[in-house]
C-alpha atoms as a PDB file:
ATOM      1  CA  MET A   1     122.043 -10.970 -49.859  1.00  0.00           C
ATOM      2  CA  ALA A   2     122.788 -12.113 -53.121  1.00  0.00           C
ATOM      3  CA  HIS A   3     121.943  -8.935 -54.959  1.00  0.00           C
ATOM      4  CA  LYS A   4     122.785  -5.281 -54.411  1.00  0.00           C
ATOM      5  CA  TYR A   5     119.645  -2.820 -54.164  1.00  0.00           C
ATOM      6  CA  ALA A   6     120.249   0.776 -54.176  1.00  0.00           C
ATOM      7  CA  ASN A   7     118.116   3.826 -55.060  1.00  0.00           C
ATOM      8  CA  VAL A   8     120.659   6.481 -54.488  1.00  0.00           C
ATOM      9  CA  LEU A   9     119.436   9.783 -56.298  1.00  0.00           C
ATOM     10  CA  VAL A  10     122.214  12.418 -56.855  1.00  0.00           C
ATOM     11  CA  HIS A  11     122.078  15.808 -58.008  1.00  0.00           C
ATOM     12  CA  ILE A  12     125.444  17.015 -59.354  1.00  0.00           C
ATOM     13  CA  VAL A  13     126.168  20.683 -60.143  1.00  0.00           C
ATOM     14  CA  PHE A  14     129.572  21.763 -61.689  1.00  0.00           C
ATOM     15  CA  SER A  15     130.639  25.008 -63.549  1.00  0.00           C
ATOM     16  CA  THR A  16     132.932  25.900 -66.437  1.00  0.00           C
ATOM     17  CA  LYS A  17     136.436  27.017 -65.716  1.00  0.00           C
ATOM     18  CA  GLU A  18     136.054  30.378 -64.029  1.00  0.00           C
ATOM     19  CA  ARG A  19     132.317  30.271 -64.418  1.00  0.00           C
ATOM     20  CA  ARG A  20     132.905  31.653 -67.935  1.00  0.00           C
ATOM     21  CA  ASN A  21     129.886  31.273 -70.528  1.00  0.00           C
ATOM     22  CA  LEU A  22     131.647  28.573 -72.533  1.00  0.00           C
ATOM     23  CA  ILE A  23     128.789  26.412 -73.757  1.00  0.00           C
ATOM     24  CA  PRO A  24     127.032  27.933 -76.679  1.00  0.00           C
ATOM     25  CA  PRO A  25     123.363  27.956 -76.710  1.00  0.00           C
ATOM     26  CA  GLY A  26     123.251  26.136 -79.953  1.00  0.00           C
ATOM     27  CA  LEU A  27     125.412  23.346 -78.388  1.00  0.00           C
ATOM     28  CA  GLN A  28     123.472  22.905 -75.063  1.00  0.00           C
ATOM     29  CA  ARG A  29     120.802  20.557 -76.040  1.00  0.00           C
ATOM     30  CA  LYS A  30     123.338  18.214 -78.079  1.00  0.00           C
ATOM     31  CA  LEU A  31     125.674  18.439 -74.769  1.00  0.00           C
ATOM     32  CA  TRP A  32     122.716  17.555 -72.661  1.00  0.00           C
ATOM     33  CA  LYS A  33     121.960  14.401 -75.012  1.00  0.00           C
ATOM     34  CA  TYR A  34     125.843  13.492 -74.996  1.00  0.00           C
ATOM     35  CA  ILE A  35     125.952  13.679 -71.246  1.00  0.00           C
ATOM     36  CA  GLY A  36     123.025  11.005 -71.382  1.00  0.00           C
ATOM     37  CA  GLY A  37     124.931   8.882 -73.559  1.00  0.00           C
ATOM     38  CA  ILE A  38     127.831   8.992 -71.339  1.00  0.00           C
ATOM     39  CA  GLY A  39     125.781   7.838 -68.564  1.00  0.00           C
ATOM     40  CA  ALA A  40     124.168   5.036 -70.662  1.00  0.00           C
ATOM     41  CA  ASN A  41     127.670   3.804 -71.638  1.00  0.00           C
ATOM     42  CA  ARG A  42     128.885   3.652 -68.204  1.00  0.00           C
ATOM     43  CA  ARG A  43     125.847   2.119 -66.621  1.00  0.00           C
ATOM     44  CA  ILE A  44     124.954   5.387 -64.639  1.00  0.00           C
ATOM     45  CA  PRO A  45     121.371   6.350 -65.198  1.00  0.00           C
ATOM     46  CA  VAL A  46     120.999  10.010 -66.127  1.00  0.00           C
ATOM     47  CA  LEU A  47     117.478  11.053 -65.179  1.00  0.00           C
ATOM     48  CA  ALA A  48     117.856  14.757 -66.070  1.00  0.00           C
ATOM     49  CA  VAL A  49     120.111  17.002 -67.613  1.00  0.00           C
ATOM     50  CA  GLY A  50     120.172  20.914 -67.705  1.00  0.00           C
ATOM     51  CA  GLY A  51     122.090  24.026 -67.394  1.00  0.00           C
ATOM     52  CA  MET A  52     123.217  27.391 -68.637  1.00  0.00           C
ATOM     53  CA  PRO A  53     126.408  28.481 -70.755  1.00  0.00           C
ATOM     54  CA  ASN A  54     128.327  28.338 -67.455  1.00  0.00           C
ATOM     55  CA  HIS A  55     127.174  25.249 -65.590  1.00  0.00           C
ATOM     56  CA  LEU A  56     125.572  22.027 -65.743  1.00  0.00           C
ATOM     57  CA  HIS A  57     123.247  20.278 -63.817  1.00  0.00           C
ATOM     58  CA  ILE A  58     122.981  16.293 -63.836  1.00  0.00           C
ATOM     59  CA  LEU A  59     120.484  13.998 -61.881  1.00  0.00           C
ATOM     60  CA  ILE A  60     121.702  10.385 -61.822  1.00  0.00           C
ATOM     61  CA  ALA A  61     120.747   7.073 -60.017  1.00  0.00           C
ATOM     62  CA  LEU A  62     124.193   6.253 -58.929  1.00  0.00           C
ATOM     63  CA  PRO A  63     125.226   2.648 -59.046  1.00  0.00           C
ATOM     64  CA  SER A  64     126.176   0.795 -56.016  1.00  0.00           C
ATOM     65  CA  ASP A  65     129.802   0.156 -57.458  1.00  0.00           C
ATOM     66  CA  VAL A  66     130.302   3.737 -58.443  1.00  0.00           C
ATOM     67  CA  SER A  67     131.468   6.752 -56.279  1.00  0.00           C
ATOM     68  CA  VAL A  68     130.243  10.087 -56.783  1.00  0.00           C
ATOM     69  CA  ALA A  69     133.747  11.392 -57.560  1.00  0.00           C
ATOM     70  CA  LYS A  70     134.164   8.742 -60.121  1.00  0.00           C
ATOM     71  CA  ALA A  71     130.779   9.578 -61.682  1.00  0.00           C
ATOM     72  CA  VAL A  72     131.512  13.311 -61.774  1.00  0.00           C
ATOM     73  CA  GLN A  73     135.054  12.733 -63.387  1.00  0.00           C
ATOM     74  CA  THR A  74     133.455  10.554 -66.092  1.00  0.00           C
ATOM     75  CA  PHE A  75     130.997  13.179 -67.208  1.00  0.00           C
ATOM     76  CA  LYS A  76     133.405  15.976 -67.001  1.00  0.00           C
ATOM     77  CA  ALA A  77     136.223  14.135 -68.703  1.00  0.00           C
ATOM     78  CA  ASN A  78     134.089  12.866 -71.712  1.00  0.00           C
ATOM     79  CA  SER A  79     131.869  16.015 -72.046  1.00  0.00           C
ATOM     80  CA  SER A  80     134.923  18.192 -71.931  1.00  0.00           C
ATOM     81  CA  ARG A  81     136.656  16.145 -74.936  1.00  0.00           C
ATOM     82  CA  TRP A  82     133.331  16.269 -76.709  1.00  0.00           C
ATOM     83  CA  ILE A  83     133.003  20.239 -76.316  1.00  0.00           C
ATOM     84  CA  GLY A  84     136.784  20.440 -77.443  1.00  0.00           C
ATOM     85  CA  GLU A  85     135.806  18.537 -80.597  1.00  0.00           C
ATOM     86  CA  HIS A  86     133.435  21.283 -81.404  1.00  0.00           C
ATOM     87  CA  GLY A  87     136.326  23.758 -81.676  1.00  0.00           C
ATOM     88  CA  ILE A  88     135.753  25.376 -78.455  1.00  0.00           C
ATOM     89  CA  ARG A  89     138.759  25.817 -75.827  1.00  0.00           C
ATOM     90  CA  PHE A  90     136.851  24.282 -72.917  1.00  0.00           C
ATOM     91  CA  ALA A  91     137.522  23.240 -69.576  1.00  0.00           C
ATOM     92  CA  TRP A  92     135.168  22.385 -66.291  1.00  0.00           C
ATOM     93  CA  GLN A  93     136.240  24.126 -62.959  1.00  0.00           C
ATOM     94  CA  GLU A  94     137.785  21.562 -60.705  1.00  0.00           C
ATOM     95  CA  GLY A  95     135.265  21.213 -58.033  1.00  0.00           C
ATOM     96  CA  TYR A  96     131.496  20.064 -57.807  1.00  0.00           C
ATOM     97  CA  GLY A  97     128.510  19.922 -55.855  1.00  0.00           C
ATOM     98  CA  ALA A  98     126.888  16.615 -55.166  1.00  0.00           C
ATOM     99  CA  PHE A  99     123.472  16.824 -53.325  1.00  0.00           C
ATOM    100  CA  SER A 100     121.374  13.666 -52.151  1.00  0.00           C
ATOM    101  CA  VAL A 101     117.821  13.687 -53.560  1.00  0.00           C
ATOM    102  CA  ARG A 102     114.963  11.914 -51.894  1.00  0.00           C
ATOM    103  CA  ALA A 103     112.836   9.656 -54.028  1.00  0.00           C
ATOM    104  CA  SER A 104     109.692  11.769 -53.216  1.00  0.00           C
ATOM    105  CA  ASN A 105     111.418  14.935 -54.516  1.00  0.00           C
ATOM    106  CA  LEU A 106     112.425  13.212 -57.770  1.00  0.00           C
ATOM    107  CA  GLY A 107     109.848  15.030 -59.936  1.00  0.00           C
ATOM    108  CA  ILE A 108     110.622  18.321 -58.329  1.00  0.00           C
ATOM    109  CA  VAL A 109     114.339  18.356 -58.796  1.00  0.00           C
ATOM    110  CA  LYS A 110     113.942  16.888 -62.373  1.00  0.00           C
ATOM    111  CA  ASP A 111     111.628  19.929 -63.082  1.00  0.00           C
ATOM    112  CA  TYR A 112     114.186  22.345 -61.433  1.00  0.00           C
ATOM    113  CA  ILE A 113     117.004  20.926 -63.610  1.00  0.00           C
ATOM    114  CA  LYS A 114     114.985  21.264 -66.972  1.00  0.00           C
ATOM    115  CA  ARG A 115     113.962  24.892 -65.905  1.00  0.00           C
ATOM    116  CA  GLN A 116     117.382  26.404 -65.693  1.00  0.00           C
ATOM    117  CA  PRO A 117     116.610  29.296 -67.969  1.00  0.00           C
ATOM    118  CA  GLU A 118     113.771  30.541 -66.063  1.00  0.00           C
ATOM    119  CA  HIS A 119     115.660  30.336 -62.663  1.00  0.00           C
ATOM    120  CA  HIS A 120     118.587  32.178 -64.048  1.00  0.00           C
ATOM    121  CA  ALA A 121     116.608  34.923 -65.122  1.00  0.00           C
ATOM    122  CA  LYS A 122     116.393  35.879 -61.586  1.00  0.00           C
ATOM    123  CA  ARG A 123     119.512  34.536 -59.814  1.00  0.00           C
ATOM    124  CA  THR A 124     123.241  33.964 -60.698  1.00  0.00           C
ATOM    125  CA  PHE A 125     124.875  30.570 -60.845  1.00  0.00           C
ATOM    126  CA  GLU A 126     126.821  31.650 -57.675  1.00  0.00           C
ATOM    127  CA  ASP A 127     123.634  32.659 -55.799  1.00  0.00           C
ATOM    128  CA  GLU A 128     121.934  29.261 -56.937  1.00  0.00           C
ATOM    129  CA  PHE A 129     124.975  27.304 -55.819  1.00  0.00           C
ATOM    130  CA  ALA A 130     125.250  28.749 -52.401  1.00  0.00           C
ATOM    131  CA  ALA A 131     121.263  28.213 -51.966  1.00  0.00           C
ATOM    132  CA  LEU A 132     121.858  24.761 -52.720  1.00  0.00           C
ATOM    133  CA  LEU A 133     124.747  24.411 -50.451  1.00  0.00           C
ATOM    134  CA  ARG A 134     122.565  26.119 -47.603  1.00  0.00           C
ATOM    135  CA  LYS A 135     119.673  23.843 -48.230  1.00  0.00           C
ATOM    136  CA  SER A 136     121.658  20.719 -48.115  1.00  0.00           C
ATOM    137  CA  GLY A 137     123.190  22.058 -44.807  1.00  0.00           C
ATOM    138  CA  VAL A 138     126.463  22.168 -46.182  1.00  0.00           C
ATOM    139  CA  VAL A 139     129.103  24.119 -44.295  1.00  0.00           C
ATOM    140  CA  TYR A 140     131.382  26.352 -46.662  1.00  0.00           C
ATOM    141  CA  GLU A 141     133.152  29.433 -46.834  1.00  0.00           C
ATOM    142  CA  GLU A 142     132.107  31.490 -49.650  1.00  0.00           C
ATOM    143  CA  SER A 143     135.889  32.687 -50.460  1.00  0.00           C
ATOM    144  CA  GLU A 144     136.883  28.872 -51.040  1.00  0.00           C
ATOM    145  CA  VAL A 145     133.524  27.995 -53.240  1.00  0.00           C
ATOM    146  CA  PHE A 146     134.427  30.730 -55.683  1.00  0.00           C
ATOM    147  CA  GLY A 147     137.717  31.539 -55.139  1.00  0.00           C
END
């Protein structure tokens, strides 16, 4: 086959260092746009971005020549530097979650990401992340996830 055809949709979630509220509300929308720009510059289509002061959700269409780990590293490194340029001592947590998304669920996941403040009025990031792991069938030890 002469061309590469892929539709690999990935919902990526990662938190700030120690899950501290390091992303000021006034900077969040700008950060979401910046994340979109990182994706555009690196040819990683960003389909949705959202989050809270202590974590971020990104929905991407993963290119066939980019690993999930490389995509996450690209978003973390560039956004961390950008937030630091705004005078904030900032770091992302080392790990992340990456969850496959069926094309038929694309709209549902986009809506979920864009409505983060509503979700977190009822549940913590830790509860949300554990639920994503369970729903995706990921086996984990809670002490290792949030240690």
